[in-house]
Amino acid sequence: MVGPVGPRDTGGVATFVYDGDCAFCSTCARFIERRIPTSADVVAWQRTDLDALGLTVEDAETAVQWVAPDRRAAGPDAIAALLIDAGSFWRPLGWGLRAVRPAAWPVYRWIARNRDKLPGGTATCALPQAERDLLP
């Protein structure tokens, strides 16, 4: 999903939203925080005000999200926006990801469906949020 954010105020700062209950996603977020110099806030959707960002739980469960004052993107489009924002040698990677958008979405969906099997993933990664909430 790509499009304008609408009337939501992000304080002029972009926000990259990921699934904080998924070990694979959290590992990726830590990599972003350590290695990719984005100006965006990188936050787990479970620890942010989704309403303030104009997002729903369904949006956040479906894909990572990029919310900026002038743009909203999901999945590989959100990752591309983050890379472009980071500048330096990350920017061409972001433009490249945008260029292969039709191929990027099926790959992203496959990764999202199989993230529990990827390095850093756990069985919890495969569960929808409603089922995670029932875990002890």
Foldseek 3Di string as FASTA:
>chain_A
DKDFQPPACPVQAKAKEAAPVWQLRVVVLVCCVVPQQARYHYYYPVPDDQVSQVHDLVQRLQFIWIGGNTMIDGFLLNVLVRQCRSDDPSNVVSVVSVVPVVVRVVVRNVCQCCVCVDVRGNPSSNDRPVVVVVDD
